[in-house]
Amino acid sequence: MKKEWGIAQLLPLQTFKNPAFGYLVNDSCVFGVEVLIISYTGNWESISLVKEPNNGAFTWKIENFSKLNELFYYSNVFNVEGINWKLRVYPKGDGKAKDTSFSFYLTLQDWGSRPMKKAVYAEYNLRVFNQLDDDEHVEKKGSNWFKHEPGWGFRSFMSLRDLRDASKWFIVRDTLIVDIVFLVISVADVSSSKKPNIV
């Protein structure tokens, strides 16, 4: 974004003062400039980290949990700092954790539409609520860059045995409650500058 350009040593002073070259005549000199048409567009992006972002929590009540038969389910879309996200759960486990663990992930919803398509960094807590005792929630912290791999989380978030144990109060009236709290998230500020044509 330099506003001034030129040549520090255009020609030797001895040459400039020599009348034979015609630059200095009768102690006078004529200076001029030719400006060509220039069309300039600049784009840049700055990244900042926001701690404890506003509206950085989302809660999902999963009803009729025992009747869920699909491999995985997505929450509704929620927005944090202008970025759309979803939670993804595997009620009976994902991959090697199938039939042994509850799998729980955070997914970036719209990476492909983001300006400049830069990765998003997030630190977050995923949690399964104990609906009787606030001190007994199951919580795990993650920190990842979201880009080509849109979803991150935990294949073995907690055992299905504990999750389904009625005495542990995770599932009440066939409803499971999960949530996420963002601790840190990166925010991209995309700027552009277009200078007018100069003649």
C-alpha atoms as a PDB file:
ATOM      1  CA  MET A   1       0.000   0.000   0.000  1.00  0.00           C
ATOM      2  CA  LYS A   2       2.965   2.293  -0.721  1.00  0.00           C
ATOM      3  CA  LYS A   3       1.806   5.780  -1.754  1.00  0.00           C
ATOM      4  CA  GLU A   4       5.075   6.990  -3.275  1.00  0.00           C
ATOM      5  CA  TRP A   5       7.329   5.485  -5.914  1.00  0.00           C
ATOM      6  CA  GLY A   6      10.333   6.820  -7.814  1.00  0.00           C
ATOM      7  CA  ILE A   7      13.985   6.382  -8.737  1.00  0.00           C
ATOM      8  CA  ALA A   8      16.584   7.529  -6.214  1.00  0.00           C
ATOM      9  CA  GLN A   9      19.359   7.819  -8.829  1.00  0.00           C
ATOM     10  CA  LEU A  10      17.761   8.727 -12.138  1.00  0.00           C
ATOM     11  CA  LEU A  11      21.009   9.894 -13.785  1.00  0.00           C
ATOM     12  CA  PRO A  12      24.461  11.040 -12.633  1.00  0.00           C
ATOM     13  CA  LEU A  13      24.637  14.656 -11.450  1.00  0.00           C
ATOM     14  CA  GLN A  14      27.628  15.286 -13.732  1.00  0.00           C
ATOM     15  CA  THR A  15      25.578  14.239 -16.745  1.00  0.00           C
ATOM     16  CA  PHE A  16      22.612  16.338 -15.580  1.00  0.00           C
ATOM     17  CA  LYS A  17      24.746  19.511 -15.324  1.00  0.00           C
ATOM     18  CA  ASN A  18      26.581  19.030 -18.620  1.00  0.00           C
ATOM     19  CA  PRO A  19      24.983  21.463 -21.182  1.00  0.00           C
ATOM     20  CA  ALA A  20      25.955  19.088 -23.978  1.00  0.00           C
ATOM     21  CA  PHE A  21      23.242  16.664 -22.869  1.00  0.00           C
ATOM     22  CA  GLY A  22      20.489  19.300 -22.842  1.00  0.00           C
ATOM     23  CA  TYR A  23      19.011  18.559 -19.416  1.00  0.00           C
ATOM     24  CA  LEU A  24      20.036  21.885 -17.895  1.00  0.00           C
ATOM     25  CA  VAL A  25      19.768  24.878 -20.279  1.00  0.00           C
ATOM     26  CA  ASN A  26      20.164  28.504 -19.102  1.00  0.00           C
ATOM     27  CA  ASP A  27      19.994  27.244 -15.531  1.00  0.00           C
ATOM     28  CA  SER A  28      16.504  25.808 -16.150  1.00  0.00           C
ATOM     29  CA  CYS A  29      15.208  22.269 -16.246  1.00  0.00           C
ATOM     30  CA  VAL A  30      11.846  20.850 -17.250  1.00  0.00           C
ATOM     31  CA  PHE A  31      10.474  17.872 -15.297  1.00  0.00           C
ATOM     32  CA  GLY A  32       7.559  15.746 -16.402  1.00  0.00           C
ATOM     33  CA  VAL A  33       5.772  12.503 -15.729  1.00  0.00           C
ATOM     34  CA  GLU A  34       3.661  10.165 -17.813  1.00  0.00           C
ATOM     35  CA  VAL A  35       1.049   8.185 -15.899  1.00  0.00           C
ATOM     36  CA  LEU A  36      -0.411   5.127 -17.580  1.00  0.00           C
ATOM     37  CA  ILE A  37      -3.862   3.756 -16.761  1.00  0.00           C
ATOM     38  CA  ILE A  38      -3.655   1.616 -13.645  1.00  0.00           C
ATOM     39  CA  SER A  39      -6.391  -0.578 -12.285  1.00  0.00           C
ATOM     40  CA  TYR A  40      -5.567  -2.060  -8.888  1.00  0.00           C
ATOM     41  CA  THR A  41      -7.502  -4.390  -6.647  1.00  0.00           C
ATOM     42  CA  GLY A  42      -6.080  -5.659  -3.388  1.00  0.00           C
ATOM     43  CA  ASN A  43      -7.523  -8.295  -1.080  1.00  0.00           C
ATOM     44  CA  TRP A  44      -6.228  -9.446   2.267  1.00  0.00           C
ATOM     45  CA  GLU A  45      -7.388 -11.334   5.307  1.00  0.00           C
ATOM     46  CA  SER A  46      -6.501 -10.931   8.950  1.00  0.00           C
ATOM     47  CA  ILE A  47      -7.077 -13.619  11.567  1.00  0.00           C
ATOM     48  CA  SER A  48      -7.790 -12.908  15.219  1.00  0.00           C
ATOM     49  CA  LEU A  49      -8.558 -15.228  18.121  1.00  0.00           C
ATOM     50  CA  VAL A  50     -11.665 -14.485  20.180  1.00  0.00           C
ATOM     51  CA  LYS A  51     -11.781 -15.898  23.716  1.00  0.00           C
ATOM     52  CA  GLU A  52     -15.164 -16.872  25.162  1.00  0.00           C
ATOM     53  CA  PRO A  53     -17.115 -15.604  22.128  1.00  0.00           C
ATOM     54  CA  ASN A  54     -20.612 -14.190  22.493  1.00  0.00           C
ATOM     55  CA  ASN A  55     -23.341 -16.800  21.888  1.00  0.00           C
ATOM     56  CA  GLY A  56     -20.578 -19.390  22.075  1.00  0.00           C
ATOM     57  CA  ALA A  57     -22.734 -22.133  23.586  1.00  0.00           C
ATOM     58  CA  PHE A  58     -25.306 -24.451  22.028  1.00  0.00           C
ATOM     59  CA  THR A  59     -27.525 -27.091  23.678  1.00  0.00           C
ATOM     60  CA  TRP A  60     -29.185 -29.979  21.845  1.00  0.00           C
ATOM     61  CA  LYS A  61     -31.973 -32.076  23.356  1.00  0.00           C
ATOM     62  CA  ILE A  62     -32.104 -35.421  21.569  1.00  0.00           C
ATOM     63  CA  GLU A  63     -35.539 -36.915  22.146  1.00  0.00           C
ATOM     64  CA  ASN A  64     -36.636 -40.524  21.608  1.00  0.00           C
ATOM     65  CA  PHE A  65     -33.012 -41.515  21.938  1.00  0.00           C
ATOM     66  CA  SER A  66     -33.680 -45.244  22.227  1.00  0.00           C
ATOM     67  CA  LYS A  67     -35.535 -45.173  18.915  1.00  0.00           C
ATOM     68  CA  LEU A  68     -32.700 -43.642  16.882  1.00  0.00           C
ATOM     69  CA  ASN A  69     -31.733 -46.169  14.212  1.00  0.00           C
ATOM     70  CA  GLU A  70     -29.581 -44.157  11.807  1.00  0.00           C
ATOM     71  CA  LEU A  71     -25.790 -44.350  11.988  1.00  0.00           C
ATOM     72  CA  PHE A  72     -25.455 -40.669  12.910  1.00  0.00           C
ATOM     73  CA  TYR A  73     -27.525 -37.532  13.440  1.00  0.00           C
ATOM     74  CA  TYR A  74     -26.896 -33.802  13.070  1.00  0.00           C
ATOM     75  CA  SER A  75     -28.156 -30.977  15.259  1.00  0.00           C
ATOM     76  CA  ASN A  76     -29.669 -27.822  13.812  1.00  0.00           C
ATOM     77  CA  VAL A  77     -27.211 -25.263  12.495  1.00  0.00           C
ATOM     78  CA  PHE A  78     -25.969 -22.715  15.036  1.00  0.00           C
ATOM     79  CA  ASN A  79     -23.812 -19.653  14.435  1.00  0.00           C
ATOM     80  CA  VAL A  80     -20.796 -18.511  16.436  1.00  0.00           C
ATOM     81  CA  GLU A  81     -18.881 -15.400  15.359  1.00  0.00           C
ATOM     82  CA  GLY A  82     -20.369 -15.542  11.859  1.00  0.00           C
ATOM     83  CA  ILE A  83     -19.468 -19.206  11.324  1.00  0.00           C
ATOM     84  CA  ASN A  84     -22.079 -21.958  11.005  1.00  0.00           C
ATOM     85  CA  TRP A  85     -21.636 -25.214  12.911  1.00  0.00           C
ATOM     86  CA  LYS A  86     -23.449 -28.460  13.674  1.00  0.00           C
ATOM     87  CA  LEU A  87     -23.033 -31.175  16.270  1.00  0.00           C
ATOM     88  CA  ARG A  88     -22.921 -34.788  15.071  1.00  0.00           C
ATOM     89  CA  VAL A  89     -23.576 -37.817  17.238  1.00  0.00           C
ATOM     90  CA  TYR A  90     -23.377 -41.546  16.646  1.00  0.00           C
ATOM     91  CA  PRO A  91     -25.883 -43.059  19.118  1.00  0.00           C
ATOM     92  CA  LYS A  92     -24.327 -46.522  18.827  1.00  0.00           C
ATOM     93  CA  GLY A  93     -20.738 -45.506  18.167  1.00  0.00           C
ATOM     94  CA  ASP A  94     -18.583 -44.659  15.160  1.00  0.00           C
ATOM     95  CA  GLY A  95     -16.224 -47.100  13.447  1.00  0.00           C
ATOM     96  CA  LYS A  96     -14.139 -49.066  15.935  1.00  0.00           C
ATOM     97  CA  ALA A  97     -16.248 -47.685  18.775  1.00  0.00           C
ATOM     98  CA  LYS A  98     -19.468 -49.174  17.379  1.00  0.00           C
ATOM     99  CA  ASP A  99     -21.629 -50.802  20.057  1.00  0.00           C
ATOM    100  CA  THR A 100     -19.202 -49.804  22.820  1.00  0.00           C
ATOM    101  CA  SER A 101     -19.030 -45.982  22.904  1.00  0.00           C
ATOM    102  CA  PHE A 102     -21.083 -42.883  22.223  1.00  0.00           C
ATOM    103  CA  SER A 103     -19.338 -40.809  19.526  1.00  0.00           C
ATOM    104  CA  PHE A 104     -19.623 -37.019  19.567  1.00  0.00           C
ATOM    105  CA  TYR A 105     -18.261 -34.457  17.066  1.00  0.00           C
ATOM    106  CA  LEU A 106     -18.262 -30.767  16.186  1.00  0.00           C
ATOM    107  CA  THR A 107     -18.578 -30.076  12.456  1.00  0.00           C
ATOM    108  CA  LEU A 108     -17.977 -26.945  10.411  1.00  0.00           C
ATOM    109  CA  GLN A 109     -21.086 -26.427   8.315  1.00  0.00           C
ATOM    110  CA  ASP A 110     -20.069 -24.019   5.564  1.00  0.00           C
ATOM    111  CA  TRP A 111     -16.322 -24.008   5.045  1.00  0.00           C
ATOM    112  CA  GLY A 112     -16.693 -24.038   1.244  1.00  0.00           C
ATOM    113  CA  SER A 113     -18.564 -20.731   1.239  1.00  0.00           C
ATOM    114  CA  ARG A 114     -16.211 -18.864   3.566  1.00  0.00           C
ATOM    115  CA  PRO A 115     -14.289 -15.904   2.108  1.00  0.00           C
ATOM    116  CA  MET A 116     -10.736 -16.888   1.148  1.00  0.00           C
ATOM    117  CA  LYS A 117     -11.568 -20.431   2.351  1.00  0.00           C
ATOM    118  CA  LYS A 118      -9.214 -20.226   5.292  1.00  0.00           C
ATOM    119  CA  ALA A 119      -9.215 -22.816   8.048  1.00  0.00           C
ATOM    120  CA  VAL A 120     -11.057 -22.076  11.289  1.00  0.00           C
ATOM    121  CA  TYR A 121      -9.429 -22.750  14.649  1.00  0.00           C
ATOM    122  CA  ALA A 122     -11.554 -23.597  17.675  1.00  0.00           C
ATOM    123  CA  GLU A 123     -11.068 -24.673  21.265  1.00  0.00           C
ATOM    124  CA  TYR A 124     -14.251 -26.117  22.728  1.00  0.00           C
ATOM    125  CA  ASN A 125     -15.835 -28.304  25.376  1.00  0.00           C
ATOM    126  CA  LEU A 126     -18.257 -31.055  24.344  1.00  0.00           C
ATOM    127  CA  ARG A 127     -20.522 -32.244  27.120  1.00  0.00           C
ATOM    128  CA  VAL A 128     -23.162 -34.870  27.884  1.00  0.00           C
ATOM    129  CA  PHE A 129     -25.452 -33.682  30.681  1.00  0.00           C
ATOM    130  CA  ASN A 130     -26.141 -35.593  33.839  1.00  0.00           C
ATOM    131  CA  GLN A 131     -29.739 -34.497  34.351  1.00  0.00           C
ATOM    132  CA  LEU A 132     -29.661 -35.021  38.116  1.00  0.00           C
ATOM    133  CA  ASP A 133     -26.238 -33.818  39.250  1.00  0.00           C
ATOM    134  CA  ASP A 134     -24.358 -30.900  37.649  1.00  0.00           C
ATOM    135  CA  ASP A 135     -21.086 -32.252  39.017  1.00  0.00           C
ATOM    136  CA  GLU A 136     -21.443 -35.489  37.063  1.00  0.00           C
ATOM    137  CA  HIS A 137     -21.560 -34.191  33.485  1.00  0.00           C
ATOM    138  CA  VAL A 138     -19.188 -35.937  31.077  1.00  0.00           C
ATOM    139  CA  GLU A 139     -17.042 -33.311  29.362  1.00  0.00           C
ATOM    140  CA  LYS A 140     -14.107 -33.388  26.975  1.00  0.00           C
ATOM    141  CA  LYS A 141     -12.042 -30.523  25.573  1.00  0.00           C
ATOM    142  CA  GLY A 142     -10.969 -30.357  21.944  1.00  0.00           C
ATOM    143  CA  SER A 143      -8.817 -27.957  19.935  1.00  0.00           C
ATOM    144  CA  ASN A 144      -8.565 -28.272  16.172  1.00  0.00           C
ATOM    145  CA  TRP A 145      -8.182 -26.498  12.865  1.00  0.00           C
ATOM    146  CA  PHE A 146     -11.264 -27.108  10.712  1.00  0.00           C
ATOM    147  CA  LYS A 147     -10.695 -27.135   6.972  1.00  0.00           C
ATOM    148  CA  HIS A 148     -10.349 -30.218   4.784  1.00  0.00           C
ATOM    149  CA  GLU A 149     -11.466 -32.317   7.763  1.00  0.00           C
ATOM    150  CA  PRO A 150     -14.735 -30.506   8.590  1.00  0.00           C
ATOM    151  CA  GLY A 151     -15.491 -32.462  11.771  1.00  0.00           C
ATOM    152  CA  TRP A 152     -13.489 -33.140  14.937  1.00  0.00           C
ATOM    153  CA  GLY A 153     -14.391 -34.712  18.244  1.00  0.00           C
ATOM    154  CA  PHE A 154     -14.286 -38.021  20.055  1.00  0.00           C
ATOM    155  CA  ARG A 155     -15.025 -41.467  18.695  1.00  0.00           C
ATOM    156  CA  SER A 156     -15.033 -42.838  22.249  1.00  0.00           C
ATOM    157  CA  PHE A 157     -16.645 -39.952  24.092  1.00  0.00           C
ATOM    158  CA  MET A 158     -18.152 -42.182  26.781  1.00  0.00           C
ATOM    159  CA  SER A 159     -19.169 -45.798  27.132  1.00  0.00           C
ATOM    160  CA  LEU A 160     -22.628 -46.816  25.984  1.00  0.00           C
ATOM    161  CA  ARG A 161     -22.948 -48.812  29.213  1.00  0.00           C
ATOM    162  CA  ASP A 162     -22.645 -45.637  31.301  1.00  0.00           C
ATOM    163  CA  LEU A 163     -24.764 -43.609  28.919  1.00  0.00           C
ATOM    164  CA  ARG A 164     -27.655 -46.085  29.080  1.00  0.00           C
ATOM    165  CA  ASP A 165     -27.411 -46.768  32.804  1.00  0.00           C
ATOM    166  CA  ALA A 166     -30.641 -45.299  34.216  1.00  0.00           C
ATOM    167  CA  SER A 167     -29.014 -44.771  37.612  1.00  0.00           C
ATOM    168  CA  LYS A 168     -26.516 -42.328  36.083  1.00  0.00           C
ATOM    169  CA  TRP A 169     -29.222 -39.944  34.807  1.00  0.00           C
ATOM    170  CA  PHE A 170     -27.796 -39.188  31.367  1.00  0.00           C
ATOM    171  CA  ILE A 171     -30.949 -40.300  29.577  1.00  0.00           C
ATOM    172  CA  VAL A 172     -34.174 -39.164  31.243  1.00  0.00           C
ATOM    173  CA  ARG A 173     -37.613 -39.707  29.699  1.00  0.00           C
ATOM    174  CA  ASP A 174     -35.730 -41.053  26.677  1.00  0.00           C
ATOM    175  CA  THR A 175     -34.042 -37.664  26.159  1.00  0.00           C
ATOM    176  CA  LEU A 176     -30.299 -37.065  26.022  1.00  0.00           C
ATOM    177  CA  ILE A 177     -28.965 -33.527  26.400  1.00  0.00           C
ATOM    178  CA  VAL A 178     -25.611 -32.541  24.909  1.00  0.00           C
ATOM    179  CA  ASP A 179     -23.974 -29.184  24.421  1.00  0.00           C
ATOM    180  CA  ILE A 180     -20.877 -27.344  23.298  1.00  0.00           C
ATOM    181  CA  VAL A 181     -19.119 -24.299  24.723  1.00  0.00           C
ATOM    182  CA  PHE A 182     -16.554 -22.490  22.577  1.00  0.00           C
ATOM    183  CA  LEU A 183     -13.523 -21.327  24.543  1.00  0.00           C
ATOM    184  CA  VAL A 184     -11.561 -19.784  21.655  1.00  0.00           C
ATOM    185  CA  ILE A 185     -12.422 -19.312  17.987  1.00  0.00           C
ATOM    186  CA  SER A 186     -10.552 -17.703  15.100  1.00  0.00           C
ATOM    187  CA  VAL A 187     -12.317 -14.920  13.217  1.00  0.00           C
ATOM    188  CA  ALA A 188     -11.311 -13.856   9.723  1.00  0.00           C
ATOM    189  CA  ASP A 189     -11.684 -10.260   8.576  1.00  0.00           C
ATOM    190  CA  VAL A 190     -11.555 -10.105   4.782  1.00  0.00           C
ATOM    191  CA  SER A 191     -10.846  -6.654   3.358  1.00  0.00           C
ATOM    192  CA  SER A 192     -10.504  -5.340  -0.154  1.00  0.00           C
ATOM    193  CA  SER A 193      -9.348  -2.130  -1.687  1.00  0.00           C
ATOM    194  CA  LYS A 194      -9.953  -0.943  -5.225  1.00  0.00           C
ATOM    195  CA  LYS A 195      -8.234   2.197  -6.398  1.00  0.00           C
ATOM    196  CA  PRO A 196      -9.788   4.187  -9.261  1.00  0.00           C
ATOM    197  CA  ASN A 197      -8.218   4.286 -12.704  1.00  0.00           C
ATOM    198  CA  ILE A 198      -5.668   7.081 -13.079  1.00  0.00           C
ATOM    199  CA  VAL A 199      -5.094   8.790 -16.400  1.00  0.00           C
END
